[in-house]
Amino acid sequence: EQEAAAGVEQPAPALPPEPVMPDYLTRTAPQEVAAELAISA
């Protein structure tokens, strides 16, 4: 309240950065998921 009365500007709160999609989440094809699982006989 004292700072506001004195005209001191409060800095705007910083917004959190936008999340970035991890590379592995872009692999949604069945062949890509199968390769990651490495299922064998």
PDB file of all heavy atoms in Angstrom:
ATOM      1  N   GLU A   1       0.833  -1.203   0.000  1.00  0.00           N
ATOM      2  CA  GLU A   1       0.000   0.000   0.000  1.00  0.00           C
ATOM      3  C   GLU A   1       0.868   1.253   0.000  1.00  0.00           C
ATOM      4  O   GLU A   1       0.575   2.229  -0.700  1.00  0.00           O
ATOM      5  CB  GLU A   1      -0.930  -0.011   1.210  1.00  0.00           C
ATOM      6  CG  GLU A   1      -2.027  -1.046   1.118  1.00  0.00           C
ATOM      7  CD  GLU A   1      -2.814  -1.177   2.414  1.00  0.00           C
ATOM      8  OE1 GLU A   1      -2.558  -0.412   3.361  1.00  0.00           O
ATOM      9  OE2 GLU A   1      -3.691  -2.060   2.469  1.00  0.00           O
ATOM     10  N   GLN A   2       1.956   1.243   0.778  1.00  0.00           N
ATOM     11  CA  GLN A   2       2.845   2.403   0.833  1.00  0.00           C
ATOM     12  C   GLN A   2       3.515   2.631  -0.523  1.00  0.00           C
ATOM     13  O   GLN A   2       3.631   3.758  -0.985  1.00  0.00           O
ATOM     14  CB  GLN A   2       3.910   2.212   1.912  1.00  0.00           C
ATOM     15  CG  GLN A   2       3.350   2.283   3.313  1.00  0.00           C
ATOM     16  CD  GLN A   2       4.376   1.902   4.364  1.00  0.00           C
ATOM     17  OE1 GLN A   2       5.505   1.557   4.030  1.00  0.00           O
ATOM     18  NE2 GLN A   2       3.978   1.956   5.622  1.00  0.00           N
ATOM     19  N   GLU A   3       3.944   1.556  -1.169  1.00  0.00           N
ATOM     20  CA  GLU A   3       4.584   1.698  -2.479  1.00  0.00           C
ATOM     21  C   GLU A   3       3.584   2.193  -3.521  1.00  0.00           C
ATOM     22  O   GLU A   3       3.916   3.008  -4.371  1.00  0.00           O
ATOM     23  CB  GLU A   3       5.192   0.365  -2.916  1.00  0.00           C
ATOM     24  CG  GLU A   3       6.430  -0.021  -2.147  1.00  0.00           C
ATOM     25  CD  GLU A   3       6.994  -1.358  -2.579  1.00  0.00           C
ATOM     26  OE1 GLU A   3       6.382  -2.030  -3.432  1.00  0.00           O
ATOM     27  OE2 GLU A   3       8.058  -1.733  -2.060  1.00  0.00           O
ATOM     28  N   ALA A   4       2.344   1.697  -3.448  1.00  0.00           N
ATOM     29  CA  ALA A   4       1.322   2.148  -4.388  1.00  0.00           C
ATOM     30  C   ALA A   4       1.015   3.629  -4.179  1.00  0.00           C
ATOM     31  O   ALA A   4       0.846   4.378  -5.142  1.00  0.00           O
ATOM     32  CB  ALA A   4       0.060   1.314  -4.233  1.00  0.00           C
ATOM     33  N   ALA A   5       0.972   4.061  -2.919  1.00  0.00           N
ATOM     34  CA  ALA A   5       0.706   5.471  -2.627  1.00  0.00           C
ATOM     35  C   ALA A   5       1.858   6.343  -3.108  1.00  0.00           C
ATOM     36  O   ALA A   5       1.654   7.485  -3.524  1.00  0.00           O
ATOM     37  CB  ALA A   5       0.479   5.654  -1.132  1.00  0.00           C
ATOM     38  N   ALA A   6       3.081   5.820  -3.071  1.00  0.00           N
ATOM     39  CA  ALA A   6       4.253   6.588  -3.500  1.00  0.00           C
ATOM     40  C   ALA A   6       4.427   6.526  -5.014  1.00  0.00           C
ATOM     41  O   ALA A   6       5.327   7.161  -5.559  1.00  0.00           O
ATOM     42  CB  ALA A   6       5.506   6.058  -2.810  1.00  0.00           C
ATOM     43  N   GLY A   7       3.616   5.752  -5.711  1.00  0.00           N
ATOM     44  CA  GLY A   7       3.696   5.662  -7.161  1.00  0.00           C
ATOM     45  C   GLY A   7       4.746   4.700  -7.657  1.00  0.00           C
ATOM     46  O   GLY A   7       5.163   4.768  -8.804  1.00  0.00           O
ATOM     47  N   VAL A   8       5.194   3.772  -6.825  1.00  0.00           N
ATOM     48  CA  VAL A   8       6.193   2.794  -7.239  1.00  0.00           C
ATOM     49  C   VAL A   8       5.502   1.737  -8.096  1.00  0.00           C
ATOM     50  O   VAL A   8       4.505   1.144  -7.704  1.00  0.00           O
ATOM     51  CB  VAL A   8       6.864   2.126  -6.009  1.00  0.00           C
ATOM     52  CG1 VAL A   8       7.828   1.043  -6.443  1.00  0.00           C
ATOM     53  CG2 VAL A   8       7.553   3.172  -5.165  1.00  0.00           C
ATOM     54  N   GLU A   9       6.007   1.558  -9.302  1.00  0.00           N
ATOM     55  CA  GLU A   9       5.441   0.573 -10.221  1.00  0.00           C
ATOM     56  C   GLU A   9       5.840  -0.832  -9.788  1.00  0.00           C
ATOM     57  O   GLU A   9       7.005  -1.096  -9.508  1.00  0.00           O
ATOM     58  CB  GLU A   9       5.951   0.814 -11.642  1.00  0.00           C
ATOM     59  CG  GLU A   9       5.342   2.012 -12.310  1.00  0.00           C
ATOM     60  CD  GLU A   9       3.897   1.785 -12.718  1.00  0.00           C
ATOM     61  OE1 GLU A   9       3.572   0.657 -13.144  1.00  0.00           O
ATOM     62  OE2 GLU A   9       3.109   2.724 -12.593  1.00  0.00           O
ATOM     63  N   GLN A  10       4.873  -1.724  -9.753  1.00  0.00           N
ATOM     64  CA  GLN A  10       5.142  -3.127  -9.461  1.00  0.00           C
ATOM     65  C   GLN A  10       5.353  -3.848 -10.794  1.00  0.00           C
ATOM     66  O   GLN A  10       4.551  -3.686 -11.711  1.00  0.00           O
ATOM     67  CB  GLN A  10       3.961  -3.763  -8.716  1.00  0.00           C
ATOM     68  CG  GLN A  10       3.717  -3.175  -7.350  1.00  0.00           C
ATOM     69  CD  GLN A  10       4.849  -3.478  -6.403  1.00  0.00           C
ATOM     70  OE1 GLN A  10       5.461  -4.541  -6.469  1.00  0.00           O
ATOM     71  NE2 GLN A  10       5.152  -2.534  -5.534  1.00  0.00           N
ATOM     72  N   PRO A  11       6.415  -4.634 -10.906  1.00  0.00           N
ATOM     73  CA  PRO A  11       6.624  -5.356 -12.169  1.00  0.00           C
ATOM     74  C   PRO A  11       5.515  -6.387 -12.365  1.00  0.00           C
ATOM     75  O   PRO A  11       5.016  -6.967 -11.404  1.00  0.00           O
ATOM     76  CB  PRO A  11       7.982  -6.027 -11.989  1.00  0.00           C
ATOM     77  CG  PRO A  11       8.188  -6.099 -10.521  1.00  0.00           C
ATOM     78  CD  PRO A  11       7.437  -4.932  -9.926  1.00  0.00           C
ATOM     79  N   ALA A  12       5.127  -6.574 -13.600  1.00  0.00           N
ATOM     80  CA  ALA A  12       4.102  -7.575 -13.917  1.00  0.00           C
ATOM     81  C   ALA A  12       4.668  -8.962 -13.636  1.00  0.00           C
ATOM     82  O   ALA A  12       5.842  -9.226 -13.900  1.00  0.00           O
ATOM     83  CB  ALA A  12       3.697  -7.467 -15.381  1.00  0.00           C
ATOM     84  N   PRO A  13       3.838  -9.837 -13.074  1.00  0.00           N
ATOM     85  CA  PRO A  13       4.337 -11.189 -12.809  1.00  0.00           C
ATOM     86  C   PRO A  13       4.694 -11.889 -14.108  1.00  0.00           C
ATOM     87  O   PRO A  13       3.991 -11.761 -15.115  1.00  0.00           O
ATOM     88  CB  PRO A  13       3.161 -11.885 -12.112  1.00  0.00           C
ATOM     89  CG  PRO A  13       1.965 -11.052 -12.404  1.00  0.00           C
ATOM     90  CD  PRO A  13       2.448  -9.667 -12.696  1.00  0.00           C
ATOM     91  N   ALA A  14       5.804 -12.608 -14.072  1.00  0.00           N
ATOM     92  CA  ALA A  14       6.274 -13.319 -15.270  1.00  0.00           C
ATOM     93  C   ALA A  14       5.376 -14.526 -15.522  1.00  0.00           C
ATOM     94  O   ALA A  14       5.031 -15.262 -14.600  1.00  0.00           O
ATOM     95  CB  ALA A  14       7.710 -13.772 -15.081  1.00  0.00           C
ATOM     96  N   LEU A  15       4.979 -14.699 -16.757  1.00  0.00           N
ATOM     97  CA  LEU A  15       4.177 -15.852 -17.125  1.00  0.00           C
ATOM     98  C   LEU A  15       5.083 -17.066 -17.272  1.00  0.00           C
ATOM     99  O   LEU A  15       6.205 -16.951 -17.754  1.00  0.00           O
ATOM    100  CB  LEU A  15       3.446 -15.589 -18.444  1.00  0.00           C
ATOM    101  CG  LEU A  15       2.422 -14.463 -18.423  1.00  0.00           C
ATOM    102  CD1 LEU A  15       1.865 -14.241 -19.818  1.00  0.00           C
ATOM    103  CD2 LEU A  15       1.302 -14.775 -17.457  1.00  0.00           C
ATOM    104  N   PRO A  16       4.589 -18.228 -16.860  1.00  0.00           N
ATOM    105  CA  PRO A  16       5.415 -19.420 -17.034  1.00  0.00           C
ATOM    106  C   PRO A  16       5.606 -19.695 -18.522  1.00  0.00           C
ATOM    107  O   PRO A  16       4.724 -19.426 -19.329  1.00  0.00           O
ATOM    108  CB  PRO A  16       4.611 -20.532 -16.366  1.00  0.00           C
ATOM    109  CG  PRO A  16       3.216 -20.024 -16.294  1.00  0.00           C
ATOM    110  CD  PRO A  16       3.300 -18.527 -16.260  1.00  0.00           C
ATOM    111  N   PRO A  17       6.751 -20.237 -18.891  1.00  0.00           N
ATOM    112  CA  PRO A  17       6.994 -20.513 -20.311  1.00  0.00           C
ATOM    113  C   PRO A  17       6.045 -21.603 -20.808  1.00  0.00           C
ATOM    114  O   PRO A  17       5.624 -22.468 -20.051  1.00  0.00           O
ATOM    115  CB  PRO A  17       8.444 -20.992 -20.353  1.00  0.00           C
ATOM    116  CG  PRO A  17       8.716 -21.482 -18.974  1.00  0.00           C
ATOM    117  CD  PRO A  17       7.854 -20.657 -18.049  1.00  0.00           C
ATOM    118  N   GLU A  18       5.721 -21.516 -22.087  1.00  0.00           N
ATOM    119  CA  GLU A  18       4.870 -22.530 -22.692  1.00  0.00           C
ATOM    120  C   GLU A  18       5.614 -23.867 -22.682  1.00  0.00           C
ATOM    121  O   GLU A  18       6.802 -23.919 -22.998  1.00  0.00           O
ATOM    122  CB  GLU A  18       4.530 -22.154 -24.140  1.00  0.00           C
ATOM    123  CG  GLU A  18       3.549 -21.018 -24.246  1.00  0.00           C
ATOM    124  CD  GLU A  18       2.157 -21.396 -23.773  1.00  0.00           C
ATOM    125  OE1 GLU A  18       1.700 -22.520 -24.054  1.00  0.00           O
ATOM    126  OE2 GLU A  18       1.536 -20.557 -23.090  1.00  0.00           O
ATOM    127  N   PRO A  19       4.921 -24.946 -22.321  1.00  0.00           N
ATOM    128  CA  PRO A  19       5.605 -26.247 -22.327  1.00  0.00           C
ATOM    129  C   PRO A  19       5.957 -26.669 -23.755  1.00  0.00           C
ATOM    130  O   PRO A  19       5.251 -26.351 -24.703  1.00  0.00           O
ATOM    131  CB  PRO A  19       4.577 -27.199 -21.704  1.00  0.00           C
ATOM    132  CG  PRO A  19       3.267 -26.517 -21.840  1.00  0.00           C
ATOM    133  CD  PRO A  19       3.541 -25.040 -21.886  1.00  0.00           C
ATOM    134  N   VAL A  20       7.052 -27.375 -23.862  1.00  0.00           N
ATOM    135  CA  VAL A  20       7.519 -27.871 -25.159  1.00  0.00           C
ATOM    136  C   VAL A  20       7.294 -29.378 -25.182  1.00  0.00           C
ATOM    137  O   VAL A  20       7.643 -30.086 -24.240  1.00  0.00           O
ATOM    138  CB  VAL A  20       9.023 -27.545 -25.357  1.00  0.00           C
ATOM    139  CG1 VAL A  20       9.535 -28.112 -26.663  1.00  0.00           C
ATOM    140  CG2 VAL A  20       9.238 -26.050 -25.276  1.00  0.00           C
ATOM    141  N   MET A  21       6.714 -29.863 -26.286  1.00  0.00           N
ATOM    142  CA  MET A  21       6.432 -31.290 -26.385  1.00  0.00           C
ATOM    143  C   MET A  21       7.726 -32.087 -26.514  1.00  0.00           C
ATOM    144  O   MET A  21       8.548 -31.798 -27.379  1.00  0.00           O
ATOM    145  CB  MET A  21       5.527 -31.592 -27.585  1.00  0.00           C
ATOM    146  CG  MET A  21       5.152 -33.069 -27.666  1.00  0.00           C
ATOM    147  SD  MET A  21       4.160 -33.533 -29.089  1.00  0.00           S
ATOM    148  CE  MET A  21       2.651 -32.677 -28.794  1.00  0.00           C
ATOM    149  N   PRO A  22       7.913 -33.077 -25.653  1.00  0.00           N
ATOM    150  CA  PRO A  22       9.090 -33.941 -25.794  1.00  0.00           C
ATOM    151  C   PRO A  22       9.023 -34.700 -27.117  1.00  0.00           C
ATOM    152  O   PRO A  22       7.944 -35.020 -27.621  1.00  0.00           O
ATOM    153  CB  PRO A  22       8.980 -34.911 -24.612  1.00  0.00           C
ATOM    154  CG  PRO A  22       7.994 -34.291 -23.673  1.00  0.00           C
ATOM    155  CD  PRO A  22       7.107 -33.417 -24.486  1.00  0.00           C
ATOM    156  N   ASP A  23      10.189 -34.996 -27.675  1.00  0.00           N
ATOM    157  CA  ASP A  23      10.270 -35.671 -28.980  1.00  0.00           C
ATOM    158  C   ASP A  23       9.540 -37.014 -28.992  1.00  0.00           C
ATOM    159  O   ASP A  23       8.887 -37.362 -29.971  1.00  0.00           O
ATOM    160  CB  ASP A  23      11.729 -35.891 -29.382  1.00  0.00           C
ATOM    161  CG  ASP A  23      12.421 -34.584 -29.749  1.00  0.00           C
ATOM    162  OD1 ASP A  23      11.713 -33.628 -30.129  1.00  0.00           O
ATOM    163  OD2 ASP A  23      13.658 -34.534 -29.657  1.00  0.00           O
ATOM    164  N   TYR A  24       9.663 -37.778 -27.911  1.00  0.00           N
ATOM    165  CA  TYR A  24       9.076 -39.114 -27.915  1.00  0.00           C
ATOM    166  C   TYR A  24       7.552 -39.062 -28.030  1.00  0.00           C
ATOM    167  O   TYR A  24       6.936 -40.005 -28.522  1.00  0.00           O
ATOM    168  CB  TYR A  24       9.509 -39.915 -26.680  1.00  0.00           C
ATOM    169  CG  TYR A  24       8.925 -39.432 -25.379  1.00  0.00           C
ATOM    170  CD1 TYR A  24       7.728 -39.941 -24.894  1.00  0.00           C
ATOM    171  CD2 TYR A  24       9.575 -38.467 -24.620  1.00  0.00           C
ATOM    172  CE1 TYR A  24       7.191 -39.510 -23.694  1.00  0.00           C
ATOM    173  CE2 TYR A  24       9.050 -38.033 -23.424  1.00  0.00           C
ATOM    174  CZ  TYR A  24       7.856 -38.550 -22.963  1.00  0.00           C
ATOM    175  OH  TYR A  24       7.334 -38.122 -21.767  1.00  0.00           O
ATOM    176  N   LEU A  25       6.914 -37.962 -27.622  1.00  0.00           N
ATOM    177  CA  LEU A  25       5.456 -37.872 -27.717  1.00  0.00           C
ATOM    178  C   LEU A  25       4.980 -37.619 -29.148  1.00  0.00           C
ATOM    179  O   LEU A  25       3.803 -37.771 -29.441  1.00  0.00           O
ATOM    180  CB  LEU A  25       4.922 -36.783 -26.791  1.00  0.00           C
ATOM    181  CG  LEU A  25       4.938 -37.113 -25.302  1.00  0.00           C
ATOM    182  CD1 LEU A  25       4.433 -35.940 -24.489  1.00  0.00           C
ATOM    183  CD2 LEU A  25       4.127 -38.359 -25.001  1.00  0.00           C
ATOM    184  N   THR A  26       5.895 -37.244 -30.031  1.00  0.00           N
ATOM    185  CA  THR A  26       5.501 -37.042 -31.428  1.00  0.00           C
ATOM    186  C   THR A  26       5.441 -38.366 -32.189  1.00  0.00           C
ATOM    187  O   THR A  26       4.869 -38.418 -33.266  1.00  0.00           O
ATOM    188  CB  THR A  26       6.495 -36.097 -32.137  1.00  0.00           C
ATOM    189  OG1 THR A  26       7.799 -36.668 -32.107  1.00  0.00           O
ATOM    190  CG2 THR A  26       6.514 -34.722 -31.473  1.00  0.00           C
ATOM    191  N   ARG A  27       6.017 -39.414 -31.606  1.00  0.00           N
ATOM    192  CA  ARG A  27       6.025 -40.727 -32.266  1.00  0.00           C
ATOM    193  C   ARG A  27       4.753 -41.492 -31.874  1.00  0.00           C
ATOM    194  O   ARG A  27       4.720 -42.183 -30.851  1.00  0.00           O
ATOM    195  CB  ARG A  27       7.271 -41.499 -31.865  1.00  0.00           C
ATOM    196  CG  ARG A  27       8.562 -40.839 -32.327  1.00  0.00           C
ATOM    197  CD  ARG A  27       9.785 -41.697 -32.103  1.00  0.00           C
ATOM    198  NE  ARG A  27      10.079 -41.954 -30.703  1.00  0.00           N
ATOM    199  CZ  ARG A  27      10.913 -41.235 -29.956  1.00  0.00           C
ATOM    200  NH1 ARG A  27      11.528 -40.189 -30.480  1.00  0.00           N
ATOM    201  NH2 ARG A  27      11.139 -41.544 -28.704  1.00  0.00           N
ATOM    202  N   THR A  28       3.705 -41.336 -32.697  1.00  0.00           N
ATOM    203  CA  THR A  28       2.418 -41.962 -32.383  1.00  0.00           C
ATOM    204  C   THR A  28       1.996 -43.016 -33.405  1.00  0.00           C
ATOM    205  O   THR A  28       0.896 -43.552 -33.310  1.00  0.00           O
ATOM    206  CB  THR A  28       1.307 -40.892 -32.281  1.00  0.00           C
ATOM    207  OG1 THR A  28       1.253 -40.167 -33.499  1.00  0.00           O
ATOM    208  CG2 THR A  28       1.550 -39.949 -31.122  1.00  0.00           C
ATOM    209  N   ALA A  29       2.849 -43.327 -34.336  1.00  0.00           N
ATOM    210  CA  ALA A  29       2.531 -44.371 -35.311  1.00  0.00           C
ATOM    211  C   ALA A  29       2.731 -45.740 -34.657  1.00  0.00           C
ATOM    212  O   ALA A  29       3.634 -45.919 -33.833  1.00  0.00           O
ATOM    213  CB  ALA A  29       3.428 -44.242 -36.539  1.00  0.00           C
ATOM    214  N   PRO A  30       1.898 -46.718 -35.004  1.00  0.00           N
ATOM    215  CA  PRO A  30       2.042 -48.053 -34.407  1.00  0.00           C
ATOM    216  C   PRO A  30       3.436 -48.644 -34.594  1.00  0.00           C
ATOM    217  O   PRO A  30       3.968 -49.287 -33.683  1.00  0.00           O
ATOM    218  CB  PRO A  30       0.991 -48.894 -35.134  1.00  0.00           C
ATOM    219  CG  PRO A  30      -0.026 -47.910 -35.604  1.00  0.00           C
ATOM    220  CD  PRO A  30       0.732 -46.649 -35.879  1.00  0.00           C
ATOM    221  N   GLN A  31       4.059 -48.405 -35.763  1.00  0.00           N
ATOM    222  CA  GLN A  31       5.390 -48.950 -36.011  1.00  0.00           C
ATOM    223  C   GLN A  31       6.421 -48.320 -35.061  1.00  0.00           C
ATOM    224  O   GLN A  31       7.342 -49.006 -34.610  1.00  0.00           O
ATOM    225  CB  GLN A  31       5.826 -48.691 -37.465  1.00  0.00           C
ATOM    226  CG  GLN A  31       4.943 -49.317 -38.503  1.00  0.00           C
ATOM    227  CD  GLN A  31       3.712 -48.452 -38.804  1.00  0.00           C
ATOM    228  OE1 GLN A  31       3.530 -47.373 -38.245  1.00  0.00           O
ATOM    229  NE2 GLN A  31       2.856 -48.948 -39.671  1.00  0.00           N
ATOM    230  N   GLU A  32       6.270 -47.036 -34.779  1.00  0.00           N
ATOM    231  CA  GLU A  32       7.222 -46.347 -33.890  1.00  0.00           C
ATOM    232  C   GLU A  32       7.091 -46.851 -32.453  1.00  0.00           C
ATOM    233  O   GLU A  32       8.096 -47.081 -31.767  1.00  0.00           O
ATOM    234  CB  GLU A  32       6.999 -44.832 -33.949  1.00  0.00           C
ATOM    235  CG  GLU A  32       7.317 -44.233 -35.310  1.00  0.00           C
ATOM    236  CD  GLU A  32       6.871 -42.789 -35.429  1.00  0.00           C
ATOM    237  OE1 GLU A  32       5.778 -42.450 -34.907  1.00  0.00           O
ATOM    238  OE2 GLU A  32       7.619 -42.004 -36.043  1.00  0.00           O
ATOM    239  N   VAL A  33       5.854 -47.026 -31.990  1.00  0.00           N
ATOM    240  CA  VAL A  33       5.636 -47.526 -30.631  1.00  0.00           C
ATOM    241  C   VAL A  33       6.127 -48.967 -30.525  1.00  0.00           C
ATOM    242  O   VAL A  33       6.768 -49.344 -29.532  1.00  0.00           O
ATOM    243  CB  VAL A  33       4.148 -47.391 -30.230  1.00  0.00           C
ATOM    244  CG1 VAL A  33       3.876 -48.041 -28.880  1.00  0.00           C
ATOM    245  CG2 VAL A  33       3.726 -45.922 -30.213  1.00  0.00           C
ATOM    246  N   ALA A  34       5.880 -49.765 -31.562  1.00  0.00           N
ATOM    247  CA  ALA A  34       6.347 -51.155 -31.564  1.00  0.00           C
ATOM    248  C   ALA A  34       7.866 -51.216 -31.515  1.00  0.00           C
ATOM    249  O   ALA A  34       8.442 -52.062 -30.821  1.00  0.00           O
ATOM    250  CB  ALA A  34       5.817 -51.878 -32.800  1.00  0.00           C
ATOM    251  N   ALA A  35       8.525 -50.306 -32.238  1.00  0.00           N
ATOM    252  CA  ALA A  35       9.988 -50.282 -32.211  1.00  0.00           C
ATOM    253  C   ALA A  35      10.497 -49.923 -30.815  1.00  0.00           C
ATOM    254  O   ALA A  35      11.503 -50.487 -30.355  1.00  0.00           O
ATOM    255  CB  ALA A  35      10.510 -49.281 -33.245  1.00  0.00           C
ATOM    256  N   GLU A  36       9.816 -49.011 -30.134  1.00  0.00           N
ATOM    257  CA  GLU A  36      10.233 -48.656 -28.765  1.00  0.00           C
ATOM    258  C   GLU A  36      10.043 -49.820 -27.808  1.00  0.00           C
ATOM    259  O   GLU A  36      10.854 -50.035 -26.914  1.00  0.00           O
ATOM    260  CB  GLU A  36       9.421 -47.457 -28.267  1.00  0.00           C
ATOM    261  CG  GLU A  36       9.896 -46.131 -28.779  1.00  0.00           C
ATOM    262  CD  GLU A  36       9.113 -44.989 -28.168  1.00  0.00           C
ATOM    263  OE1 GLU A  36       9.086 -44.895 -26.921  1.00  0.00           O
ATOM    264  OE2 GLU A  36       8.543 -44.196 -28.927  1.00  0.00           O
ATOM    265  N   LEU A  37       8.945 -50.559 -27.974  1.00  0.00           N
ATOM    266  CA  LEU A  37       8.682 -51.687 -27.079  1.00  0.00           C
ATOM    267  C   LEU A  37       9.627 -52.852 -27.349  1.00  0.00           C
ATOM    268  O   LEU A  37       9.930 -53.619 -26.431  1.00  0.00           O
ATOM    269  CB  LEU A  37       7.231 -52.159 -27.228  1.00  0.00           C
ATOM    270  CG  LEU A  37       6.175 -51.234 -26.658  1.00  0.00           C
ATOM    271  CD1 LEU A  37       4.788 -51.706 -27.064  1.00  0.00           C
ATOM    272  CD2 LEU A  37       6.290 -51.158 -25.153  1.00  0.00           C
ATOM    273  N   ALA A  38      10.075 -52.993 -28.568  1.00  0.00           N
ATOM    274  CA  ALA A  38      10.995 -54.070 -28.966  1.00  0.00           C
ATOM    275  C   ALA A  38      10.459 -55.438 -28.544  1.00  0.00           C
ATOM    276  O   ALA A  38      11.154 -56.233 -27.912  1.00  0.00           O
ATOM    277  CB  ALA A  38      12.384 -53.818 -28.379  1.00  0.00           C
ATOM    278  N   ILE A  39       9.215 -55.712 -28.916  1.00  0.00           N
ATOM    279  CA  ILE A  39       8.610 -57.010 -28.604  1.00  0.00           C
ATOM    280  C   ILE A  39       9.204 -58.045 -29.557  1.00  0.00           C
ATOM    281  O   ILE A  39       9.285 -57.827 -30.761  1.00  0.00           O
ATOM    282  CB  ILE A  39       7.076 -56.950 -28.759  1.00  0.00           C
ATOM    283  CG1 ILE A  39       6.500 -55.974 -27.725  1.00  0.00           C
ATOM    284  CG2 ILE A  39       6.444 -58.326 -28.603  1.00  0.00           C
ATOM    285  CD1 ILE A  39       5.020 -55.718 -27.870  1.00  0.00           C
ATOM    286  N   SER A  40       9.608 -59.170 -28.976  1.00  0.00           N
ATOM    287  CA  SER A  40      10.206 -60.233 -29.795  1.00  0.00           C
ATOM    288  C   SER A  40       9.560 -61.567 -29.438  1.00  0.00           C
ATOM    289  O   SER A  40       8.824 -61.676 -28.457  1.00  0.00           O
ATOM    290  CB  SER A  40      11.715 -60.298 -29.564  1.00  0.00           C
ATOM    291  OG  SER A  40      11.983 -60.764 -28.258  1.00  0.00           O
ATOM    292  N   ALA A  41       9.887 -62.587 -30.223  1.00  0.00           N
ATOM    293  CA  ALA A  41       9.346 -63.929 -29.969  1.00  0.00           C
ATOM    294  C   ALA A  41       9.907 -64.510 -28.678  1.00  0.00           C
ATOM    295  O   ALA A  41       9.321 -65.429 -28.095  1.00  0.00           O
ATOM    296  CB  ALA A  41       9.663 -64.839 -31.144  1.00  0.00           C
TER     297      ALA A  41
END
